[in-house]
Every structure is written in structure tokens, then in C-alpha cells.
Amino acid sequence: FFCVHPFMGNVFCYIQLARLLKNHCSFYGLQNPLIEKGEIDELTLPELIQLYIEEIKHVQPEGPYRLGGWSLGGAIAYEI
């Protein structure tokens, strides 16, 4: 299960969800790679979407894929 970060760029809001799912599936949080630099708005949404597609395919080359997200993360997951 791949979960995309909300607007602020980090995936801390999914910690409890990851714990609940740990015995049922693998859980991956897709966090904005620029969050540590404080530059979360340096990438456009299409650039982020492409980056996350590449990351997902690196972990799981073939579908089907389970995606989720909250707030902006839901919109990004939908576009992926």
C-alpha cells in the first residue's frame, strides 16, 4: 500500500495507519523529497507525480497498485 503525503509533505500522519496494516500488507509512505530542505514547493505537481510513479515502480514493478492519501495526497494518488 502506497500512501502519498498531504500538503505539508511529510507522512507522519500515517503512522497509526501503517501500524494497523503491518500484518496485512506492506506499507510505503511517499514523502516529498525536498521536505528536509524546506523547499516542498520547488517541484510542480506533475514532477512529483512522475517521481512517485518511478518510486512505486522501483519497489513494485508490476501492478495492481494500492494507493491512498489524505488531502493533497488523495489528489496525487488519484493522478498516479
PDB file of N, CA and C in Angstrom:
ATOM      1  N   PHE A   1       0.854  -1.166   0.000  1.00  0.00           N
ATOM      2  CA  PHE A   1       0.000   0.000   0.000  1.00  0.00           C
ATOM      3  C   PHE A   1       0.899   1.229   0.000  1.00  0.00           C
ATOM      4  N   PHE A   2       0.694   2.104  -0.969  1.00  0.00           N
ATOM      5  CA  PHE A   2       1.479   3.331  -1.088  1.00  0.00           C
ATOM      6  C   PHE A   2       0.592   4.505  -0.683  1.00  0.00           C
ATOM      7  N   CYS A   3       1.053   5.274   0.277  1.00  0.00           N
ATOM      8  CA  CYS A   3       0.268   6.386   0.795  1.00  0.00           C
ATOM      9  C   CYS A   3       1.031   7.691   0.551  1.00  0.00           C
ATOM     10  N   VAL A   4       0.384   8.627  -0.123  1.00  0.00           N
ATOM     11  CA  VAL A   4       1.012   9.890  -0.506  1.00  0.00           C
ATOM     12  C   VAL A   4       0.773  10.946   0.579  1.00  0.00           C
ATOM     13  N   HIS A   5       1.801  11.724   0.845  1.00  0.00           N
ATOM     14  CA  HIS A   5       1.764  12.773   1.862  1.00  0.00           C
ATOM     15  C   HIS A   5       0.690  13.815   1.597  1.00  0.00           C
ATOM     16  N   PRO A   6       0.165  14.441   2.666  1.00  0.00           N
ATOM     17  CA  PRO A   6      -0.719  15.590   2.481  1.00  0.00           C
ATOM     18  C   PRO A   6       0.089  16.847   2.130  1.00  0.00           C
ATOM     19  N   PHE A   7      -0.553  17.995   2.138  1.00  0.00           N
ATOM     20  CA  PHE A   7       0.041  19.247   1.658  1.00  0.00           C
ATOM     21  C   PHE A   7       1.399  19.575   2.266  1.00  0.00           C
ATOM     22  N   MET A   8       1.582  19.357   3.542  1.00  0.00           N
ATOM     23  CA  MET A   8       2.834  19.758   4.198  1.00  0.00           C
ATOM     24  C   MET A   8       4.021  18.873   3.821  1.00  0.00           C
ATOM     25  N   GLY A   9       3.777  17.769   3.139  1.00  0.00           N
ATOM     26  CA  GLY A   9       4.871  16.996   2.566  1.00  0.00           C
ATOM     27  C   GLY A   9       5.388  15.822   3.361  1.00  0.00           C
ATOM     28  N   ASN A  10       5.001  15.698   4.648  1.00  0.00           N
ATOM     29  CA  ASN A  10       5.517  14.558   5.414  1.00  0.00           C
ATOM     30  C   ASN A  10       4.435  13.499   5.605  1.00  0.00           C
ATOM     31  N   VAL A  11       4.862  12.323   6.004  1.00  0.00           N
ATOM     32  CA  VAL A  11       3.943  11.191   6.123  1.00  0.00           C
ATOM     33  C   VAL A  11       3.671  10.791   7.576  1.00  0.00           C
ATOM     34  N   PHE A  12       4.020  11.642   8.525  1.00  0.00           N
ATOM     35  CA  PHE A  12       3.810  11.319   9.936  1.00  0.00           C
ATOM     36  C   PHE A  12       2.349  11.023  10.261  1.00  0.00           C
ATOM     37  N   CYS A  13       1.432  11.623   9.538  1.00  0.00           N
ATOM     38  CA  CYS A  13       0.006  11.417   9.811  1.00  0.00           C
ATOM     39  C   CYS A  13      -0.441   9.983   9.536  1.00  0.00           C
ATOM     40  N   TYR A  14       0.396   9.203   8.862  1.00  0.00           N
ATOM     41  CA  TYR A  14       0.029   7.827   8.517  1.00  0.00           C
ATOM     42  C   TYR A  14       0.640   6.783   9.448  1.00  0.00           C
ATOM     43  N   ILE A  15       1.297   7.198  10.513  1.00  0.00           N
ATOM     44  CA  ILE A  15       1.965   6.240  11.398  1.00  0.00           C
ATOM     45  C   ILE A  15       0.976   5.219  11.952  1.00  0.00           C
ATOM     46  N   GLN A  16      -0.152   5.670  12.455  1.00  0.00           N
ATOM     47  CA  GLN A  16      -1.131   4.742  13.033  1.00  0.00           C
ATOM     48  C   GLN A  16      -1.697   3.815  11.960  1.00  0.00           C
ATOM     49  N   LEU A  17      -1.964   4.334  10.790  1.00  0.00           N
ATOM     50  CA  LEU A  17      -2.467   3.502   9.697  1.00  0.00           C
ATOM     51  C   LEU A  17      -1.446   2.434   9.325  1.00  0.00           C
ATOM     52  N   ALA A  18      -0.191   2.807   9.249  1.00  0.00           N
ATOM     53  CA  ALA A  18       0.868   1.842   8.933  1.00  0.00           C
ATOM     54  C   ALA A  18       0.923   0.744   9.990  1.00  0.00           C
ATOM     55  N   ARG A  19       0.778   1.113  11.242  1.00  0.00           N
ATOM     56  CA  ARG A  19       0.779   0.116  12.325  1.00  0.00           C
ATOM     57  C   ARG A  19      -0.405  -0.833  12.201  1.00  0.00           C
ATOM     58  N   LEU A  20      -1.562  -0.304  11.853  1.00  0.00           N
ATOM     59  CA  LEU A  20      -2.757  -1.134  11.713  1.00  0.00           C
ATOM     60  C   LEU A  20      -2.648  -2.109  10.542  1.00  0.00           C
ATOM     61  N   LEU A  21      -1.949  -1.714   9.499  1.00  0.00           N
ATOM     62  CA  LEU A  21      -1.851  -2.540   8.292  1.00  0.00           C
ATOM     63  C   LEU A  21      -0.640  -3.461   8.267  1.00  0.00           C
ATOM     64  N   LYS A  22       0.254  -3.346   9.235  1.00  0.00           N
ATOM     65  CA  LYS A  22       1.537  -4.055   9.162  1.00  0.00           C
ATOM     66  C   LYS A  22       1.403  -5.561   9.020  1.00  0.00           C
ATOM     67  N   ASN A  23       0.362  -6.171   9.532  1.00  0.00           N
ATOM     68  CA  ASN A  23       0.182  -7.620   9.414  1.00  0.00           C
ATOM     69  C   ASN A  23      -0.620  -8.017   8.178  1.00  0.00           C
ATOM     70  N   HIS A  24      -1.054  -7.022   7.398  1.00  0.00           N
ATOM     71  CA  HIS A  24      -1.908  -7.294   6.250  1.00  0.00           C
ATOM     72  C   HIS A  24      -1.254  -6.984   4.908  1.00  0.00           C
ATOM     73  N   CYS A  25      -0.372  -6.018   4.893  1.00  0.00           N
ATOM     74  CA  CYS A  25       0.271  -5.639   3.635  1.00  0.00           C
ATOM     75  C   CYS A  25       1.499  -4.781   3.928  1.00  0.00           C
ATOM     76  N   SER A  26       2.333  -4.655   2.931  1.00  0.00           N
ATOM     77  CA  SER A  26       3.468  -3.729   3.041  1.00  0.00           C
ATOM     78  C   SER A  26       2.933  -2.307   2.925  1.00  0.00           C
ATOM     79  N   PHE A  27       3.519  -1.390   3.674  1.00  0.00           N
ATOM     80  CA  PHE A  27       3.054  -0.009   3.691  1.00  0.00           C
ATOM     81  C   PHE A  27       4.227   0.902   3.374  1.00  0.00           C
ATOM     82  N   TYR A  28       4.044   1.762   2.386  1.00  0.00           N
ATOM     83  CA  TYR A  28       5.089   2.702   1.988  1.00  0.00           C
ATOM     84  C   TYR A  28       4.518   4.114   2.022  1.00  0.00           C
ATOM     85  N   GLY A  29       5.192   5.008   2.707  1.00  0.00           N
ATOM     86  CA  GLY A  29       4.794   6.408   2.727  1.00  0.00           C
ATOM     87  C   GLY A  29       5.612   7.185   1.714  1.00  0.00           C
ATOM     88  N   LEU A  30       4.931   7.869   0.821  1.00  0.00           N
ATOM     89  CA  LEU A  30       5.604   8.693  -0.181  1.00  0.00           C
ATOM     90  C   LEU A  30       5.675  10.121   0.351  1.00  0.00           C
ATOM     91  N   GLN A  31       6.858  10.515   0.777  1.00  0.00           N
ATOM     92  CA  GLN A  31       7.090  11.827   1.376  1.00  0.00           C
ATOM     93  C   GLN A  31       7.798  12.729   0.369  1.00  0.00           C
ATOM     94  N   ASN A  32       7.453  13.993   0.382  1.00  0.00           N
ATOM     95  CA  ASN A  32       8.100  14.946  -0.514  1.00  0.00           C
ATOM     96  C   ASN A  32       9.612  14.911  -0.276  1.00  0.00           C
ATOM     97  N   PRO A  33      10.402  14.637  -1.320  1.00  0.00           N
ATOM     98  CA  PRO A  33      11.845  14.509  -1.133  1.00  0.00           C
ATOM     99  C   PRO A  33      12.539  15.810  -0.735  1.00  0.00           C
ATOM    100  N   LEU A  34      11.883  16.936  -0.903  1.00  0.00           N
ATOM    101  CA  LEU A  34      12.501  18.224  -0.575  1.00  0.00           C
ATOM    102  C   LEU A  34      12.088  18.755   0.792  1.00  0.00           C
ATOM    103  N   ILE A  35      11.340  17.976   1.555  1.00  0.00           N
ATOM    104  CA  ILE A  35      10.834  18.460   2.846  1.00  0.00           C
ATOM    105  C   ILE A  35      11.962  18.808   3.811  1.00  0.00           C
ATOM    106  N   GLU A  36      13.017  18.034   3.802  1.00  0.00           N
ATOM    107  CA  GLU A  36      14.117  18.288   4.733  1.00  0.00           C
ATOM    108  C   GLU A  36      14.852  19.589   4.420  1.00  0.00           C
ATOM    109  N   LYS A  37      14.764  20.039   3.183  1.00  0.00           N
ATOM    110  CA  LYS A  37      15.396  21.300   2.788  1.00  0.00           C
ATOM    111  C   LYS A  37      14.446  22.483   2.953  1.00  0.00           C
ATOM    112  N   GLY A  38      13.193  22.198   3.304  1.00  0.00           N
ATOM    113  CA  GLY A  38      12.204  23.262   3.436  1.00  0.00           C
ATOM    114  C   GLY A  38      11.781  23.839   2.105  1.00  0.00           C
ATOM    115  N   GLU A  39      11.901  23.054   1.054  1.00  0.00           N
ATOM    116  CA  GLU A  39      11.606  23.527  -0.302  1.00  0.00           C
ATOM    117  C   GLU A  39      10.494  22.700  -0.940  1.00  0.00           C
ATOM    118  N   ILE A  40       9.428  22.417  -0.175  1.00  0.00           N
ATOM    119  CA  ILE A  40       8.416  21.496  -0.678  1.00  0.00           C
ATOM    120  C   ILE A  40       7.697  21.998  -1.924  1.00  0.00           C
ATOM    121  N   ASP A  41       7.755  23.277  -2.193  1.00  0.00           N
ATOM    122  CA  ASP A  41       7.059  23.804  -3.366  1.00  0.00           C
ATOM    123  C   ASP A  41       7.975  23.994  -4.573  1.00  0.00           C
ATOM    124  N   GLU A  42       9.169  23.422  -4.526  1.00  0.00           N
ATOM    125  CA  GLU A  42      10.113  23.568  -5.637  1.00  0.00           C
ATOM    126  C   GLU A  42       9.782  22.643  -6.809  1.00  0.00           C
ATOM    127  N   LEU A  43       9.018  21.586  -6.558  1.00  0.00           N
ATOM    128  CA  LEU A  43       8.610  20.674  -7.622  1.00  0.00           C
ATOM    129  C   LEU A  43       7.150  20.936  -7.966  1.00  0.00           C
ATOM    130  N   THR A  44       6.826  20.864  -9.243  1.00  0.00           N
ATOM    131  CA  THR A  44       5.432  21.003  -9.655  1.00  0.00           C
ATOM    132  C   THR A  44       4.698  19.696  -9.362  1.00  0.00           C
ATOM    133  N   LEU A  45       3.377  19.748  -9.359  1.00  0.00           N
ATOM    134  CA  LEU A  45       2.614  18.515  -9.146  1.00  0.00           C
ATOM    135  C   LEU A  45       2.920  17.461 -10.207  1.00  0.00           C
ATOM    136  N   PRO A  46       2.980  17.817 -11.497  1.00  0.00           N
ATOM    137  CA  PRO A  46       3.348  16.791 -12.479  1.00  0.00           C
ATOM    138  C   PRO A  46       4.728  16.180 -12.221  1.00  0.00           C
ATOM    139  N   GLU A  47       5.676  16.989 -11.756  1.00  0.00           N
ATOM    140  CA  GLU A  47       7.008  16.456 -11.431  1.00  0.00           C
ATOM    141  C   GLU A  47       6.943  15.505 -10.242  1.00  0.00           C
ATOM    142  N   LEU A  48       6.180  15.876  -9.217  1.00  0.00           N
ATOM    143  CA  LEU A  48       6.018  14.999  -8.057  1.00  0.00           C
ATOM    144  C   LEU A  48       5.352  13.687  -8.455  1.00  0.00           C
ATOM    145  N   ILE A  49       4.299  13.788  -9.248  1.00  0.00           N
ATOM    146  CA  ILE A  49       3.580  12.590  -9.681  1.00  0.00           C
ATOM    147  C   ILE A  49       4.516  11.660 -10.434  1.00  0.00           C
ATOM    148  N   GLN A  50       5.296  12.185 -11.357  1.00  0.00           N
ATOM    149  CA  GLN A  50       6.238  11.353 -12.112  1.00  0.00           C
ATOM    150  C   GLN A  50       7.281  10.727 -11.190  1.00  0.00           C
ATOM    151  N   LEU A  51       7.786  11.496 -10.253  1.00  0.00           N
ATOM    152  CA  LEU A  51       8.760  10.987  -9.291  1.00  0.00           C
ATOM    153  C   LEU A  51       8.166   9.845  -8.476  1.00  0.00           C
ATOM    154  N   TYR A  52       6.939  10.009  -8.010  1.00  0.00           N
ATOM    155  CA  TYR A  52       6.303   8.971  -7.195  1.00  0.00           C
ATOM    156  C   TYR A  52       5.994   7.725  -8.022  1.00  0.00           C
ATOM    157  N   ILE A  53       5.617   7.894  -9.265  1.00  0.00           N
ATOM    158  CA  ILE A  53       5.408   6.733 -10.142  1.00  0.00           C
ATOM    159  C   ILE A  53       6.700   5.940 -10.264  1.00  0.00           C
ATOM    160  N   GLU A  54       7.807   6.632 -10.462  1.00  0.00           N
ATOM    161  CA  GLU A  54       9.104   5.954 -10.561  1.00  0.00           C
ATOM    162  C   GLU A  54       9.453   5.235  -9.263  1.00  0.00           C
ATOM    163  N   GLU A  55       9.205   5.877  -8.120  1.00  0.00           N
ATOM    164  CA  GLU A  55       9.489   5.260  -6.822  1.00  0.00           C
ATOM    165  C   GLU A  55       8.626   4.019  -6.607  1.00  0.00           C
ATOM    166  N   ILE A  56       7.350   4.122  -6.942  1.00  0.00           N
ATOM    167  CA  ILE A  56       6.444   2.982  -6.786  1.00  0.00           C
ATOM    168  C   ILE A  56       6.905   1.821  -7.652  1.00  0.00           C
ATOM    169  N   LYS A  57       7.248   2.101  -8.913  1.00  0.00           N
ATOM    170  CA  LYS A  57       7.688   1.034  -9.820  1.00  0.00           C
ATOM    171  C   LYS A  57       9.028   0.453  -9.400  1.00  0.00           C
ATOM    172  N   HIS A  58       9.843   1.231  -8.709  1.00  0.00           N
ATOM    173  CA  HIS A  58      11.109   0.711  -8.193  1.00  0.00           C
ATOM    174  C   HIS A  58      10.841  -0.341  -7.112  1.00  0.00           C
ATOM    175  N   VAL A  59       9.859  -0.076  -6.274  1.00  0.00           N
ATOM    176  CA  VAL A  59       9.501  -1.004  -5.198  1.00  0.00           C
ATOM    177  C   VAL A  59       8.677  -2.169  -5.730  1.00  0.00           C
ATOM    178  N   GLN A  60       7.737  -1.870  -6.630  1.00  0.00           N
ATOM    179  CA  GLN A  60       6.811  -2.876  -7.155  1.00  0.00           C
ATOM    180  C   GLN A  60       6.662  -2.651  -8.660  1.00  0.00           C
ATOM    181  N   PRO A  61       7.473  -3.349  -9.468  1.00  0.00           N
ATOM    182  CA  PRO A  61       7.466  -3.105 -10.910  1.00  0.00           C
ATOM    183  C   PRO A  61       6.125  -3.357 -11.607  1.00  0.00           C
ATOM    184  N   GLU A  62       5.332  -4.283 -11.100  1.00  0.00           N
ATOM    185  CA  GLU A  62       4.062  -4.643 -11.742  1.00  0.00           C
ATOM    186  C   GLU A  62       2.889  -4.325 -10.821  1.00  0.00           C
ATOM    187  N   GLY A  63       1.754  -3.945 -11.433  1.00  0.00           N
ATOM    188  CA  GLY A  63       0.537  -3.708 -10.666  1.00  0.00           C
ATOM    189  C   GLY A  63      -0.179  -5.001 -10.377  1.00  0.00           C
ATOM    190  N   PRO A  64      -1.325  -4.973  -9.792  1.00  0.00           N
ATOM    191  CA  PRO A  64      -2.064  -3.770  -9.420  1.00  0.00           C
ATOM    192  C   PRO A  64      -1.441  -3.072  -8.212  1.00  0.00           C
ATOM    193  N   TYR A  65      -1.738  -1.801  -8.106  1.00  0.00           N
ATOM    194  CA  TYR A  65      -1.198  -0.978  -7.031  1.00  0.00           C
ATOM    195  C   TYR A  65      -2.328  -0.519  -6.115  1.00  0.00           C
ATOM    196  N   ARG A  66      -2.038  -0.498  -4.829  1.00  0.00           N
ATOM    197  CA  ARG A  66      -2.966   0.083  -3.849  1.00  0.00           C
ATOM    198  C   ARG A  66      -2.387   1.427  -3.436  1.00  0.00           C
ATOM    199  N   LEU A  67      -3.172   2.476  -3.677  1.00  0.00           N
ATOM    200  CA  LEU A  67      -2.718   3.839  -3.398  1.00  0.00           C
ATOM    201  C   LEU A  67      -3.714   4.537  -2.488  1.00  0.00           C
ATOM    202  N   GLY A  68      -3.211   5.443  -1.696  1.00  0.00           N
ATOM    203  CA  GLY A  68      -4.079   6.234  -0.849  1.00  0.00           C
ATOM    204  C   GLY A  68      -3.418   7.542  -0.497  1.00  0.00           C
ATOM    205  N   GLY A  69      -4.179   8.391   0.119  1.00  0.00           N
ATOM    206  CA  GLY A  69      -3.646   9.663   0.559  1.00  0.00           C
ATOM    207  C   GLY A  69      -4.735  10.484   1.199  1.00  0.00           C
ATOM    208  N   TRP A  70      -4.320  11.471   1.935  1.00  0.00           N
ATOM    209  CA  TRP A  70      -5.239  12.364   2.629  1.00  0.00           C
ATOM    210  C   TRP A  70      -4.977  13.772   2.123  1.00  0.00           C
ATOM    211  N   SER A  71      -6.032  14.523   1.901  1.00  0.00           N
ATOM    212  CA  SER A  71      -5.923  15.898   1.450  1.00  0.00           C
ATOM    213  C   SER A  71      -5.241  15.913   0.074  1.00  0.00           C
ATOM    214  N   LEU A  72      -4.205  16.698  -0.088  1.00  0.00           N
ATOM    215  CA  LEU A  72      -3.482  16.744  -1.364  1.00  0.00           C
ATOM    216  C   LEU A  72      -2.983  15.360  -1.755  1.00  0.00           C
ATOM    217  N   GLY A  73      -2.627  14.545  -0.768  1.00  0.00           N
ATOM    218  CA  GLY A  73      -2.150  13.194  -1.049  1.00  0.00           C
ATOM    219  C   GLY A  73      -3.178  12.354  -1.778  1.00  0.00           C
ATOM    220  N   GLY A  74      -4.455  12.541  -1.458  1.00  0.00           N
ATOM    221  CA  GLY A  74      -5.513  11.821  -2.159  1.00  0.00           C
ATOM    222  C   GLY A  74      -5.590  12.228  -3.621  1.00  0.00           C
ATOM    223  N   ALA A  75      -5.444  13.521  -3.885  1.00  0.00           N
ATOM    224  CA  ALA A  75      -5.475  14.012  -5.267  1.00  0.00           C
ATOM    225  C   ALA A  75      -4.272  13.497  -6.054  1.00  0.00           C
ATOM    226  N   ILE A  76      -3.102  13.490  -5.421  1.00  0.00           N
ATOM    227  CA  ILE A  76      -1.905  12.975  -6.092  1.00  0.00           C
ATOM    228  C   ILE A  76      -2.057  11.482  -6.352  1.00  0.00           C
ATOM    229  N   ALA A  77      -2.537  10.729  -5.362  1.00  0.00           N
ATOM    230  CA  ALA A  77      -2.739   9.288  -5.535  1.00  0.00           C
ATOM    231  C   ALA A  77      -3.702   9.023  -6.687  1.00  0.00           C
ATOM    232  N   TYR A  78      -4.750   9.814  -6.794  1.00  0.00           N
ATOM    233  CA  TYR A  78      -5.712   9.661  -7.882  1.00  0.00           C
ATOM    234  C   TYR A  78      -5.034   9.871  -9.233  1.00  0.00           C
ATOM    235  N   GLU A  79      -4.188  10.879  -9.342  1.00  0.00           N
ATOM    236  CA  GLU A  79      -3.498  11.170 -10.599  1.00  0.00           C
ATOM    237  C   GLU A  79      -2.480  10.093 -10.959  1.00  0.00           C
ATOM    238  N   ILE A  80      -1.880   9.480  -9.948  1.00  0.00           N
ATOM    239  CA  ILE A  80      -0.913   8.408 -10.216  1.00  0.00           C
ATOM    240  C   ILE A  80      -1.638   7.262 -10.884  1.00  0.00           C
TER     241      ILE A  80
END
